[in-house]
Amino acid sequence: MSPMRTPAGSECKYFFGDYYRGKNREECRLLGEPNQVGSWSPDLCKTCPVPGIIRANACENLVLHGQVVKSLMTGFRRRVIVAAYCLKTEEPVREPHVGCGLCHTLPPVYQADQNK
């Protein structure tokens, strides 16, 4: 999937907009169909962490799972929470922006500095 610009202005590979010939259909392919209860709506793109995670971590083994939740802490405003899973290590990823830490080795330049 190639990234598209979300209503919030950032690029996201999970966002899809069909504007061909007057259509105005938008959806988040990570969160599901827009007509389901507790599902995606364009306003969620403003605070969604997924575009930032994708920019920070391009690991092909990282799988994201998103969910729309309402929280008492946010005044019952809806927001997106993201869980990540690594296909290579077969474990949940604590910090999706960084990754699991095992998929990618450091380049030799950085490894030489660690040996000192």
PDB file of N, CA and C in Angstrom:
ATOM      1  N   MET A   1       0.840  -1.175   0.000  1.00  0.00           N
ATOM      2  CA  MET A   1       0.000   0.000   0.000  1.00  0.00           C
ATOM      3  C   MET A   1       0.887   1.241   0.000  1.00  0.00           C
ATOM      4  N   SER A   2       0.556   2.169  -0.830  1.00  0.00           N
ATOM      5  CA  SER A   2       1.287   3.430  -0.822  1.00  0.00           C
ATOM      6  C   SER A   2       0.572   4.396   0.127  1.00  0.00           C
ATOM      7  N   PRO A   3       1.346   5.213   0.829  1.00  0.00           N
ATOM      8  CA  PRO A   3       0.723   6.118   1.804  1.00  0.00           C
ATOM      9  C   PRO A   3      -0.102   7.210   1.136  1.00  0.00           C
ATOM     10  N   MET A   4      -1.195   7.564   1.780  1.00  0.00           N
ATOM     11  CA  MET A   4      -2.042   8.674   1.346  1.00  0.00           C
ATOM     12  C   MET A   4      -2.052   9.711   2.450  1.00  0.00           C
ATOM     13  N   ARG A   5      -2.347  10.924   2.091  1.00  0.00           N
ATOM     14  CA  ARG A   5      -2.427  12.011   3.067  1.00  0.00           C
ATOM     15  C   ARG A   5      -3.775  11.928   3.792  1.00  0.00           C
ATOM     16  N   THR A   6      -3.700  11.911   5.122  1.00  0.00           N
ATOM     17  CA  THR A   6      -4.904  11.823   5.949  1.00  0.00           C
ATOM     18  C   THR A   6      -5.589  13.186   6.040  1.00  0.00           C
ATOM     19  N   PRO A   7      -6.806  13.245   6.568  1.00  0.00           N
ATOM     20  CA  PRO A   7      -7.456  14.544   6.778  1.00  0.00           C
ATOM     21  C   PRO A   7      -6.662  15.464   7.711  1.00  0.00           C
ATOM     22  N   ALA A   8      -5.804  14.893   8.551  1.00  0.00           N
ATOM     23  CA  ALA A   8      -4.974  15.701   9.464  1.00  0.00           C
ATOM     24  C   ALA A   8      -3.703  16.184   8.793  1.00  0.00           C
ATOM     25  N   GLY A   9      -3.413  15.712   7.587  1.00  0.00           N
ATOM     26  CA  GLY A   9      -2.263  16.205   6.837  1.00  0.00           C
ATOM     27  C   GLY A   9      -1.027  15.326   6.846  1.00  0.00           C
ATOM     28  N   SER A  10      -1.014  14.244   7.620  1.00  0.00           N
ATOM     29  CA  SER A  10       0.147  13.360   7.632  1.00  0.00           C
ATOM     30  C   SER A  10      -0.103  12.181   6.693  1.00  0.00           C
ATOM     31  N   GLU A  11       0.982  11.548   6.270  1.00  0.00           N
ATOM     32  CA  GLU A  11       0.843  10.400   5.381  1.00  0.00           C
ATOM     33  C   GLU A  11       0.729   9.125   6.199  1.00  0.00           C
ATOM     34  N   CYS A  12      -0.186   8.243   5.778  1.00  0.00           N
ATOM     35  CA  CYS A  12      -0.411   6.984   6.485  1.00  0.00           C
ATOM     36  C   CYS A  12      -0.760   5.906   5.470  1.00  0.00           C
ATOM     37  N   LYS A  13      -0.091   4.759   5.575  1.00  0.00           N
ATOM     38  CA  LYS A  13      -0.347   3.685   4.620  1.00  0.00           C
ATOM     39  C   LYS A  13      -1.681   2.988   4.872  1.00  0.00           C
ATOM     40  N   TYR A  14      -2.294   3.214   6.019  1.00  0.00           N
ATOM     41  CA  TYR A  14      -3.574   2.587   6.334  1.00  0.00           C
ATOM     42  C   TYR A  14      -4.773   3.454   5.939  1.00  0.00           C
ATOM     43  N   PHE A  15      -4.548   4.716   5.662  1.00  0.00           N
ATOM     44  CA  PHE A  15      -5.642   5.600   5.261  1.00  0.00           C
ATOM     45  C   PHE A  15      -5.912   5.434   3.772  1.00  0.00           C
ATOM     46  N   PHE A  16      -7.199   5.398   3.405  1.00  0.00           N
ATOM     47  CA  PHE A  16      -7.585   5.317   2.008  1.00  0.00           C
ATOM     48  C   PHE A  16      -8.703   6.312   1.745  1.00  0.00           C
ATOM     49  N   GLY A  17      -8.541   7.094   0.710  1.00  0.00           N
ATOM     50  CA  GLY A  17      -9.577   8.034   0.291  1.00  0.00           C
ATOM     51  C   GLY A  17      -9.883   7.848  -1.179  1.00  0.00           C
ATOM     52  N   ASP A  18     -11.148   7.722  -1.497  1.00  0.00           N
ATOM     53  CA  ASP A  18     -11.586   7.578  -2.881  1.00  0.00           C
ATOM     54  C   ASP A  18     -12.384   8.826  -3.241  1.00  0.00           C
ATOM     55  N   TYR A  19     -11.765   9.689  -4.044  1.00  0.00           N
ATOM     56  CA  TYR A  19     -12.390  10.955  -4.433  1.00  0.00           C
ATOM     57  C   TYR A  19     -12.661  11.010  -5.931  1.00  0.00           C
ATOM     58  N   TYR A  20     -12.534   9.894  -6.590  1.00  0.00           N
ATOM     59  CA  TYR A  20     -12.681   9.828  -8.037  1.00  0.00           C
ATOM     60  C   TYR A  20     -14.127  10.116  -8.445  1.00  0.00           C
ATOM     61  N   ARG A  21     -14.281  11.013  -9.409  1.00  0.00           N
ATOM     62  CA  ARG A  21     -15.590  11.386  -9.967  1.00  0.00           C
ATOM     63  C   ARG A  21     -16.607  11.773  -8.903  1.00  0.00           C
ATOM     64  N   GLY A  22     -16.182  12.616  -7.988  1.00  0.00           N
ATOM     65  CA  GLY A  22     -17.112  13.161  -7.006  1.00  0.00           C
ATOM     66  C   GLY A  22     -17.351  12.301  -5.782  1.00  0.00           C
ATOM     67  N   LYS A  23     -16.711  11.128  -5.719  1.00  0.00           N
ATOM     68  CA  LYS A  23     -16.879  10.300  -4.522  1.00  0.00           C
ATOM     69  C   LYS A  23     -16.156  10.962  -3.365  1.00  0.00           C
ATOM     70  N   ASN A  24     -16.603  10.698  -2.177  1.00  0.00           N
ATOM     71  CA  ASN A  24     -15.937  11.209  -0.985  1.00  0.00           C
ATOM     72  C   ASN A  24     -15.941  10.110   0.066  1.00  0.00           C
ATOM     73  N   ARG A  25     -15.267   9.008  -0.253  1.00  0.00           N
ATOM     74  CA  ARG A  25     -15.215   7.848   0.637  1.00  0.00           C
ATOM     75  C   ARG A  25     -13.836   7.785   1.291  1.00  0.00           C
ATOM     76  N   GLU A  26     -13.798   7.779   2.617  1.00  0.00           N
ATOM     77  CA  GLU A  26     -12.544   7.695   3.357  1.00  0.00           C
ATOM     78  C   GLU A  26     -12.656   6.560   4.366  1.00  0.00           C
ATOM     79  N   GLU A  27     -11.530   5.868   4.593  1.00  0.00           N
ATOM     80  CA  GLU A  27     -11.522   4.794   5.573  1.00  0.00           C
ATOM     81  C   GLU A  27     -10.107   4.575   6.108  1.00  0.00           C
ATOM     82  N   CYS A  28     -10.046   3.999   7.280  1.00  0.00           N
ATOM     83  CA  CYS A  28      -8.770   3.582   7.868  1.00  0.00           C
ATOM     84  C   CYS A  28      -8.753   2.067   7.799  1.00  0.00           C
ATOM     85  N   ARG A  29      -7.829   1.528   7.061  1.00  0.00           N
ATOM     86  CA  ARG A  29      -7.779   0.085   6.870  1.00  0.00           C
ATOM     87  C   ARG A  29      -7.156  -0.637   8.054  1.00  0.00           C
ATOM     88  N   LEU A  30      -6.655   0.101   9.006  1.00  0.00           N
ATOM     89  CA  LEU A  30      -6.168  -0.499  10.246  1.00  0.00           C
ATOM     90  C   LEU A  30      -7.314  -0.672  11.240  1.00  0.00           C
ATOM     91  N   LEU A  31      -8.240   0.261  11.246  1.00  0.00           N
ATOM     92  CA  LEU A  31      -9.309   0.268  12.249  1.00  0.00           C
ATOM     93  C   LEU A  31     -10.641  -0.277  11.760  1.00  0.00           C
ATOM     94  N   GLY A  32     -10.811  -0.494  10.483  1.00  0.00           N
ATOM     95  CA  GLY A  32     -12.050  -1.084   9.993  1.00  0.00           C
ATOM     96  C   GLY A  32     -12.973  -0.102   9.307  1.00  0.00           C
ATOM     97  N   GLU A  33     -14.148  -0.575   9.013  1.00  0.00           N
ATOM     98  CA  GLU A  33     -15.141   0.193   8.274  1.00  0.00           C
ATOM     99  C   GLU A  33     -15.666   1.373   9.094  1.00  0.00           C
ATOM    100  N   PRO A  34     -15.900   2.522   8.446  1.00  0.00           N
ATOM    101  CA  PRO A  34     -16.357   3.704   9.185  1.00  0.00           C
ATOM    102  C   PRO A  34     -17.776   3.605   9.723  1.00  0.00           C
ATOM    103  N   ASN A  35     -18.583   2.671   9.265  1.00  0.00           N
ATOM    104  CA  ASN A  35     -19.977   2.601   9.707  1.00  0.00           C
ATOM    105  C   ASN A  35     -20.191   1.676  10.900  1.00  0.00           C
ATOM    106  N   GLN A  36     -19.156   1.005  11.389  1.00  0.00           N
ATOM    107  CA  GLN A  36     -19.296   0.123  12.535  1.00  0.00           C
ATOM    108  C   GLN A  36     -19.267   0.924  13.836  1.00  0.00           C
ATOM    109  N   VAL A  37     -19.875   0.366  14.869  1.00  0.00           N
ATOM    110  CA  VAL A  37     -19.891   1.022  16.177  1.00  0.00           C
ATOM    111  C   VAL A  37     -18.468   1.059  16.737  1.00  0.00           C
ATOM    112  N   GLY A  38     -18.058   2.201  17.266  1.00  0.00           N
ATOM    113  CA  GLY A  38     -16.721   2.346  17.827  1.00  0.00           C
ATOM    114  C   GLY A  38     -15.635   2.287  16.777  1.00  0.00           C
ATOM    115  N   SER A  39     -15.941   2.772  15.594  1.00  0.00           N
ATOM    116  CA  SER A  39     -14.987   2.663  14.500  1.00  0.00           C
ATOM    117  C   SER A  39     -14.360   4.010  14.155  1.00  0.00           C
ATOM    118  N   TRP A  40     -13.614   3.999  13.098  1.00  0.00           N
ATOM    119  CA  TRP A  40     -12.841   5.147  12.652  1.00  0.00           C
ATOM    120  C   TRP A  40     -13.736   6.274  12.142  1.00  0.00           C
ATOM    121  N   SER A  41     -13.288   7.497  12.364  1.00  0.00           N
ATOM    122  CA  SER A  41     -13.864   8.685  11.744  1.00  0.00           C
ATOM    123  C   SER A  41     -12.690   9.634  11.472  1.00  0.00           C
ATOM    124  N   PRO A  42     -12.814  10.531  10.487  1.00  0.00           N
ATOM    125  CA  PRO A  42     -11.689  11.386  10.093  1.00  0.00           C
ATOM    126  C   PRO A  42     -11.074  12.207  11.221  1.00  0.00           C
ATOM    127  N   ASP A  43     -11.846  12.574  12.236  1.00  0.00           N
ATOM    128  CA  ASP A  43     -11.301  13.373  13.335  1.00  0.00           C
ATOM    129  C   ASP A  43     -10.248  12.625  14.156  1.00  0.00           C
ATOM    130  N   LEU A  44     -10.238  11.305  14.112  1.00  0.00           N
ATOM    131  CA  LEU A  44      -9.259  10.519  14.859  1.00  0.00           C
ATOM    132  C   LEU A  44      -7.851  10.649  14.289  1.00  0.00           C
ATOM    133  N   CYS A  45      -7.733  11.055  13.035  1.00  0.00           N
ATOM    134  CA  CYS A  45      -6.411  11.196  12.402  1.00  0.00           C
ATOM    135  C   CYS A  45      -5.556  12.267  13.073  1.00  0.00           C
ATOM    136  N   LYS A  46      -6.190  13.243  13.707  1.00  0.00           N
ATOM    137  CA  LYS A  46      -5.435  14.331  14.345  1.00  0.00           C
ATOM    138  C   LYS A  46      -4.534  13.829  15.469  1.00  0.00           C
ATOM    139  N   THR A  47      -4.997  12.844  16.222  1.00  0.00           N
ATOM    140  CA  THR A  47      -4.239  12.357  17.376  1.00  0.00           C
ATOM    141  C   THR A  47      -3.739  10.925  17.209  1.00  0.00           C
ATOM    142  N   CYS A  48      -3.919  10.352  16.051  1.00  0.00           N
ATOM    143  CA  CYS A  48      -3.523   8.958  15.821  1.00  0.00           C
ATOM    144  C   CYS A  48      -1.995   8.810  15.846  1.00  0.00           C
ATOM    145  N   PRO A  49      -1.472   7.820  16.586  1.00  0.00           N
ATOM    146  CA  PRO A  49      -0.027   7.625  16.656  1.00  0.00           C
ATOM    147  C   PRO A  49       0.567   6.858  15.477  1.00  0.00           C
ATOM    148  N   VAL A  50      -0.253   6.271  14.632  1.00  0.00           N
ATOM    149  CA  VAL A  50       0.235   5.392  13.571  1.00  0.00           C
ATOM    150  C   VAL A  50       1.159   6.089  12.572  1.00  0.00           C
ATOM    151  N   PRO A  51       0.837   7.270  12.030  1.00  0.00           N
ATOM    152  CA  PRO A  51       1.787   7.900  11.102  1.00  0.00           C
ATOM    153  C   PRO A  51       3.164   8.137  11.714  1.00  0.00           C
ATOM    154  N   GLY A  52       3.218   8.497  12.983  1.00  0.00           N
ATOM    155  CA  GLY A  52       4.496   8.694  13.656  1.00  0.00           C
ATOM    156  C   GLY A  52       5.259   7.389  13.823  1.00  0.00           C
ATOM    157  N   ILE A  53       4.554   6.320  14.120  1.00  0.00           N
ATOM    158  CA  ILE A  53       5.189   5.007  14.256  1.00  0.00           C
ATOM    159  C   ILE A  53       5.767   4.566  12.917  1.00  0.00           C
ATOM    160  N   ILE A  54       5.016   4.758  11.856  1.00  0.00           N
ATOM    161  CA  ILE A  54       5.477   4.364  10.520  1.00  0.00           C
ATOM    162  C   ILE A  54       6.702   5.176  10.108  1.00  0.00           C
ATOM    163  N   ARG A  55       6.716   6.469  10.420  1.00  0.00           N
ATOM    164  CA  ARG A  55       7.889   7.300  10.096  1.00  0.00           C
ATOM    165  C   ARG A  55       9.112   6.867  10.893  1.00  0.00           C
ATOM    166  N   ALA A  56       8.916   6.498  12.148  1.00  0.00           N
ATOM    167  CA  ALA A  56      10.038   6.159  13.025  1.00  0.00           C
ATOM    168  C   ALA A  56      10.538   4.732  12.829  1.00  0.00           C
ATOM    169  N   ASN A  57       9.671   3.827  12.421  1.00  0.00           N
ATOM    170  CA  ASN A  57      10.047   2.418  12.363  1.00  0.00           C
ATOM    171  C   ASN A  57       9.486   1.782  11.092  1.00  0.00           C
ATOM    172  N   ALA A  58      10.363   1.499  10.153  1.00  0.00           N
ATOM    173  CA  ALA A  58       9.948   0.910   8.884  1.00  0.00           C
ATOM    174  C   ALA A  58      10.201  -0.597   8.845  1.00  0.00           C
ATOM    175  N   CYS A  59      10.266  -1.238   9.989  1.00  0.00           N
ATOM    176  CA  CYS A  59      10.543  -2.675  10.062  1.00  0.00           C
ATOM    177  C   CYS A  59       9.424  -3.458   9.381  1.00  0.00           C
ATOM    178  N   GLU A  60       9.804  -4.342   8.496  1.00  0.00           N
ATOM    179  CA  GLU A  60       8.807  -5.141   7.771  1.00  0.00           C
ATOM    180  C   GLU A  60       8.199  -6.225   8.645  1.00  0.00           C
ATOM    181  N   ASN A  61       8.798  -6.506   9.798  1.00  0.00           N
ATOM    182  CA  ASN A  61       8.280  -7.527  10.709  1.00  0.00           C
ATOM    183  C   ASN A  61       7.297  -6.963  11.735  1.00  0.00           C
ATOM    184  N   LEU A  62       7.131  -5.656  11.756  1.00  0.00           N
ATOM    185  CA  LEU A  62       6.253  -5.009  12.719  1.00  0.00           C
ATOM    186  C   LEU A  62       4.817  -5.016  12.208  1.00  0.00           C
ATOM    187  N   VAL A  63       3.922  -5.574  13.008  1.00  0.00           N
ATOM    188  CA  VAL A  63       2.502  -5.613  12.670  1.00  0.00           C
ATOM    189  C   VAL A  63       1.766  -4.769  13.694  1.00  0.00           C
ATOM    190  N   LEU A  64       0.954  -3.836  13.216  1.00  0.00           N
ATOM    191  CA  LEU A  64       0.200  -2.958  14.108  1.00  0.00           C
ATOM    192  C   LEU A  64      -1.257  -3.396  14.193  1.00  0.00           C
ATOM    193  N   HIS A  65      -1.805  -3.274  15.385  1.00  0.00           N
ATOM    194  CA  HIS A  65      -3.223  -3.537  15.622  1.00  0.00           C
ATOM    195  C   HIS A  65      -3.784  -2.299  16.308  1.00  0.00           C
ATOM    196  N   GLY A  66      -4.787  -1.683  15.712  1.00  0.00           N
ATOM    197  CA  GLY A  66      -5.354  -0.467  16.265  1.00  0.00           C
ATOM    198  C   GLY A  66      -6.754  -0.673  16.790  1.00  0.00           C
ATOM    199  N   GLN A  67      -7.136   0.204  17.709  1.00  0.00           N
ATOM    200  CA  GLN A  67      -8.461   0.137  18.308  1.00  0.00           C
ATOM    201  C   GLN A  67      -8.894   1.538  18.706  1.00  0.00           C
ATOM    202  N   VAL A  68     -10.166   1.827  18.542  1.00  0.00           N
ATOM    203  CA  VAL A  68     -10.732   3.104  18.966  1.00  0.00           C
ATOM    204  C   VAL A  68     -11.320   2.905  20.359  1.00  0.00           C
ATOM    205  N   VAL A  69     -10.889   3.759  21.300  1.00  0.00           N
ATOM    206  CA  VAL A  69     -11.380   3.645  22.671  1.00  0.00           C
ATOM    207  C   VAL A  69     -11.845   5.002  23.173  1.00  0.00           C
ATOM    208  N   LYS A  70     -12.725   4.950  24.152  1.00  0.00           N
ATOM    209  CA  LYS A  70     -13.122   6.148  24.895  1.00  0.00           C
ATOM    210  C   LYS A  70     -12.542   5.991  26.288  1.00  0.00           C
ATOM    211  N   SER A  71     -11.990   7.072  26.807  1.00  0.00           N
ATOM    212  CA  SER A  71     -11.334   6.992  28.105  1.00  0.00           C
ATOM    213  C   SER A  71     -11.865   8.073  29.024  1.00  0.00           C
ATOM    214  N   LEU A  72     -11.989   7.724  30.289  1.00  0.00           N
ATOM    215  CA  LEU A  72     -12.391   8.695  31.305  1.00  0.00           C
ATOM    216  C   LEU A  72     -11.324   9.777  31.439  1.00  0.00           C
ATOM    217  N   MET A  73     -10.058   9.396  31.245  1.00  0.00           N
ATOM    218  CA  MET A  73      -8.952  10.340  31.375  1.00  0.00           C
ATOM    219  C   MET A  73      -8.985  11.426  30.290  1.00  0.00           C
ATOM    220  N   THR A  74      -9.561  11.125  29.153  1.00  0.00           N
ATOM    221  CA  THR A  74      -9.627  12.102  28.063  1.00  0.00           C
ATOM    222  C   THR A  74     -11.007  12.738  27.958  1.00  0.00           C
ATOM    223  N   GLY A  75     -11.799  12.621  28.996  1.00  0.00           N
ATOM    224  CA  GLY A  75     -13.130  13.220  28.973  1.00  0.00           C
ATOM    225  C   GLY A  75     -14.068  12.504  28.021  1.00  0.00           C
ATOM    226  N   PHE A  76     -13.912  11.220  27.907  1.00  0.00           N
ATOM    227  CA  PHE A  76     -14.707  10.357  27.035  1.00  0.00           C
ATOM    228  C   PHE A  76     -14.543  10.683  25.562  1.00  0.00           C
ATOM    229  N   ARG A  77     -13.447  11.371  25.229  1.00  0.00           N
ATOM    230  CA  ARG A  77     -13.143  11.585  23.808  1.00  0.00           C
ATOM    231  C   ARG A  77     -12.570  10.302  23.234  1.00  0.00           C
ATOM    232  N   ARG A  78     -12.885  10.061  21.984  1.00  0.00           N
ATOM    233  CA  ARG A  78     -12.375   8.867  21.312  1.00  0.00           C
ATOM    234  C   ARG A  78     -10.931   9.093  20.879  1.00  0.00           C
ATOM    235  N   ARG A  79     -10.139   8.036  20.965  1.00  0.00           N
ATOM    236  CA  ARG A  79      -8.754   8.099  20.501  1.00  0.00           C
ATOM    237  C   ARG A  79      -8.335   6.717  20.019  1.00  0.00           C
ATOM    238  N   VAL A  80      -7.221   6.675  19.320  1.00  0.00           N
ATOM    239  CA  VAL A  80      -6.700   5.426  18.777  1.00  0.00           C
ATOM    240  C   VAL A  80      -5.573   4.932  19.672  1.00  0.00           C
ATOM    241  N   ILE A  81      -5.653   3.667  20.066  1.00  0.00           N
ATOM    242  CA  ILE A  81      -4.529   3.044  20.750  1.00  0.00           C
ATOM    243  C   ILE A  81      -3.979   1.963  19.823  1.00  0.00           C
ATOM    244  N   VAL A  82      -2.671   1.772  19.885  1.00  0.00           N
ATOM    245  CA  VAL A  82      -2.013   0.855  18.970  1.00  0.00           C
ATOM    246  C   VAL A  82      -1.197  -0.159  19.752  1.00  0.00           C
ATOM    247  N   ALA A  83      -1.341  -1.423  19.376  1.00  0.00           N
ATOM    248  CA  ALA A  83      -0.497  -2.491  19.895  1.00  0.00           C
ATOM    249  C   ALA A  83       0.339  -2.995  18.731  1.00  0.00           C
ATOM    250  N   ALA A  84       1.576  -3.386  19.020  1.00  0.00           N
ATOM    251  CA  ALA A  84       2.483  -3.850  17.970  1.00  0.00           C
ATOM    252  C   ALA A  84       2.971  -5.252  18.294  1.00  0.00           C
ATOM    253  N   TYR A  85       3.243  -6.007  17.238  1.00  0.00           N
ATOM    254  CA  TYR A  85       3.712  -7.383  17.367  1.00  0.00           C
ATOM    255  C   TYR A  85       4.818  -7.605  16.346  1.00  0.00           C
ATOM    256  N   CYS A  86       5.876  -8.304  16.742  1.00  0.00           N
ATOM    257  CA  CYS A  86       6.991  -8.593  15.836  1.00  0.00           C
ATOM    258  C   CYS A  86       6.845 -10.012  15.300  1.00  0.00           C
ATOM    259  N   LEU A  87       6.812 -10.152  13.987  1.00  0.00           N
ATOM    260  CA  LEU A  87       6.673 -11.466  13.368  1.00  0.00           C
ATOM    261  C   LEU A  87       7.955 -12.284  13.489  1.00  0.00           C
ATOM    262  N   LYS A  88       9.093 -11.637  13.563  1.00  0.00           N
ATOM    263  CA  LYS A  88      10.374 -12.347  13.626  1.00  0.00           C
ATOM    264  C   LYS A  88      10.604 -12.946  15.014  1.00  0.00           C
ATOM    265  N   THR A  89      10.419 -12.152  16.050  1.00  0.00           N
ATOM    266  CA  THR A  89      10.626 -12.637  17.413  1.00  0.00           C
ATOM    267  C   THR A  89       9.374 -13.278  17.995  1.00  0.00           C
ATOM    268  N   GLU A  90       8.243 -13.083  17.337  1.00  0.00           N
ATOM    269  CA  GLU A  90       6.942 -13.603  17.764  1.00  0.00           C
ATOM    270  C   GLU A  90       6.594 -13.157  19.186  1.00  0.00           C
ATOM    271  N   GLU A  91       6.844 -11.870  19.431  1.00  0.00           N
ATOM    272  CA  GLU A  91       6.538 -11.288  20.736  1.00  0.00           C
ATOM    273  C   GLU A  91       5.914  -9.913  20.565  1.00  0.00           C
ATOM    274  N   PRO A  92       5.137  -9.466  21.548  1.00  0.00           N
ATOM    275  CA  PRO A  92       4.619  -8.100  21.509  1.00  0.00           C
ATOM    276  C   PRO A  92       5.772  -7.101  21.603  1.00  0.00           C
ATOM    277  N   VAL A  93       5.579  -5.946  20.987  1.00  0.00           N
ATOM    278  CA  VAL A  93       6.591  -4.887  20.995  1.00  0.00           C
ATOM    279  C   VAL A  93       6.127  -3.818  21.972  1.00  0.00           C
ATOM    280  N   ARG A  94       6.959  -3.537  22.965  1.00  0.00           N
ATOM    281  CA  ARG A  94       6.579  -2.550  23.995  1.00  0.00           C
ATOM    282  C   ARG A  94       6.527  -1.139  23.448  1.00  0.00           C
ATOM    283  N   GLU A  95       7.500  -0.760  22.629  1.00  0.00           N
ATOM    284  CA  GLU A  95       7.565   0.591  22.081  1.00  0.00           C
ATOM    285  C   GLU A  95       7.586   0.516  20.553  1.00  0.00           C
ATOM    286  N   PRO A  96       6.422   0.664  19.902  1.00  0.00           N
ATOM    287  CA  PRO A  96       6.355   0.535  18.443  1.00  0.00           C
ATOM    288  C   PRO A  96       7.232   1.528  17.687  1.00  0.00           C
ATOM    289  N   HIS A  97       7.473   2.715  18.252  1.00  0.00           N
ATOM    290  CA  HIS A  97       8.327   3.689  17.571  1.00  0.00           C
ATOM    291  C   HIS A  97       9.759   3.178  17.424  1.00  0.00           C
ATOM    292  N   VAL A  98      10.200   2.354  18.361  1.00  0.00           N
ATOM    293  CA  VAL A  98      11.574   1.850  18.366  1.00  0.00           C
ATOM    294  C   VAL A  98      11.659   0.462  17.759  1.00  0.00           C
ATOM    295  N   GLY A  99      10.699  -0.384  18.032  1.00  0.00           N
ATOM    296  CA  GLY A  99      10.714  -1.764  17.553  1.00  0.00           C
ATOM    297  C   GLY A  99      11.113  -2.711  18.667  1.00  0.00           C
ATOM    298  N   CYS A 100      11.311  -3.978  18.312  1.00  0.00           N
ATOM    299  CA  CYS A 100      11.618  -5.000  19.314  1.00  0.00           C
ATOM    300  C   CYS A 100      13.076  -4.953  19.751  1.00  0.00           C
ATOM    301  N   GLY A 101      13.945  -4.389  18.922  1.00  0.00           N
ATOM    302  CA  GLY A 101      15.359  -4.308  19.256  1.00  0.00           C
ATOM    303  C   GLY A 101      16.174  -5.486  18.769  1.00  0.00           C
ATOM    304  N   LEU A 102      15.527  -6.504  18.223  1.00  0.00           N
ATOM    305  CA  LEU A 102      16.243  -7.689  17.769  1.00  0.00           C
ATOM    306  C   LEU A 102      16.236  -7.874  16.258  1.00  0.00           C
ATOM    307  N   CYS A 103      15.345  -7.224  15.567  1.00  0.00           N
ATOM    308  CA  CYS A 103      15.218  -7.413  14.114  1.00  0.00           C
ATOM    309  C   CYS A 103      16.376  -6.825  13.324  1.00  0.00           C
ATOM    310  N   HIS A 104      16.863  -5.704  13.748  1.00  0.00           N
ATOM    311  CA  HIS A 104      17.872  -4.990  12.965  1.00  0.00           C
ATOM    312  C   HIS A 104      19.156  -4.859  13.767  1.00  0.00           C
ATOM    313  N   THR A 105      20.247  -5.315  13.178  1.00  0.00           N
ATOM    314  CA  THR A 105      21.537  -5.165  13.838  1.00  0.00           C
ATOM    315  C   THR A 105      22.076  -3.775  13.555  1.00  0.00           C
ATOM    316  N   LEU A 106      22.923  -3.316  14.433  1.00  0.00           N
ATOM    317  CA  LEU A 106      23.545  -2.009  14.241  1.00  0.00           C
ATOM    318  C   LEU A 106      24.600  -2.093  13.138  1.00  0.00           C
ATOM    319  N   PRO A 107      24.784  -1.034  12.360  1.00  0.00           N
ATOM    320  CA  PRO A 107      25.843  -1.020  11.354  1.00  0.00           C
ATOM    321  C   PRO A 107      27.212  -1.162  12.016  1.00  0.00           C
ATOM    322  N   PRO A 108      28.201  -1.671  11.277  1.00  0.00           N
ATOM    323  CA  PRO A 108      29.541  -1.873  11.847  1.00  0.00           C
ATOM    324  C   PRO A 108      30.138  -0.621  12.468  1.00  0.00           C
ATOM    325  N   VAL A 109      29.830   0.548  11.943  1.00  0.00           N
ATOM    326  CA  VAL A 109      30.358   1.788  12.505  1.00  0.00           C
ATOM    327  C   VAL A 109      29.958   1.939  13.966  1.00  0.00           C
ATOM    328  N   TYR A 110      28.729   1.620  14.282  1.00  0.00           N
ATOM    329  CA  TYR A 110      28.234   1.753  15.658  1.00  0.00           C
ATOM    330  C   TYR A 110      28.703   0.603  16.535  1.00  0.00           C
ATOM    331  N   GLN A 111      28.865  -0.588  15.956  1.00  0.00           N
ATOM    332  CA  GLN A 111      29.337  -1.724  16.727  1.00  0.00           C
ATOM    333  C   GLN A 111      30.779  -1.519  17.187  1.00  0.00           C
ATOM    334  N   ALA A 112      31.607  -0.869  16.369  1.00  0.00           N
ATOM    335  CA  ALA A 112      32.998  -0.596  16.738  1.00  0.00           C
ATOM    336  C   ALA A 112      33.039   0.318  17.963  1.00  0.00           C
ATOM    337  N   ASP A 113      32.120   1.278  18.049  1.00  0.00           N
ATOM    338  CA  ASP A 113      32.084   2.199  19.182  1.00  0.00           C
ATOM    339  C   ASP A 113      31.691   1.480  20.475  1.00  0.00           C
ATOM    340  N   GLN A 114      30.900   0.433  20.379  1.00  0.00           N
ATOM    341  CA  GLN A 114      30.470  -0.290  21.577  1.00  0.00           C
ATOM    342  C   GLN A 114      31.595  -1.128  22.167  1.00  0.00           C
ATOM    343  N   ASN A 115      32.562  -1.539  21.341  1.00  0.00           N
ATOM    344  CA  ASN A 115      33.654  -2.376  21.816  1.00  0.00           C
ATOM    345  C   ASN A 115      34.711  -1.593  22.591  1.00  0.00           C
ATOM    346  N   LYS A 116      34.667  -0.285  22.530  1.00  0.00           N
ATOM    347  CA  LYS A 116      35.692   0.531  23.207  1.00  0.00           C
ATOM    348  C   LYS A 116      35.449   0.610  24.682  1.00  0.00           C
TER     349      LYS A 116
END
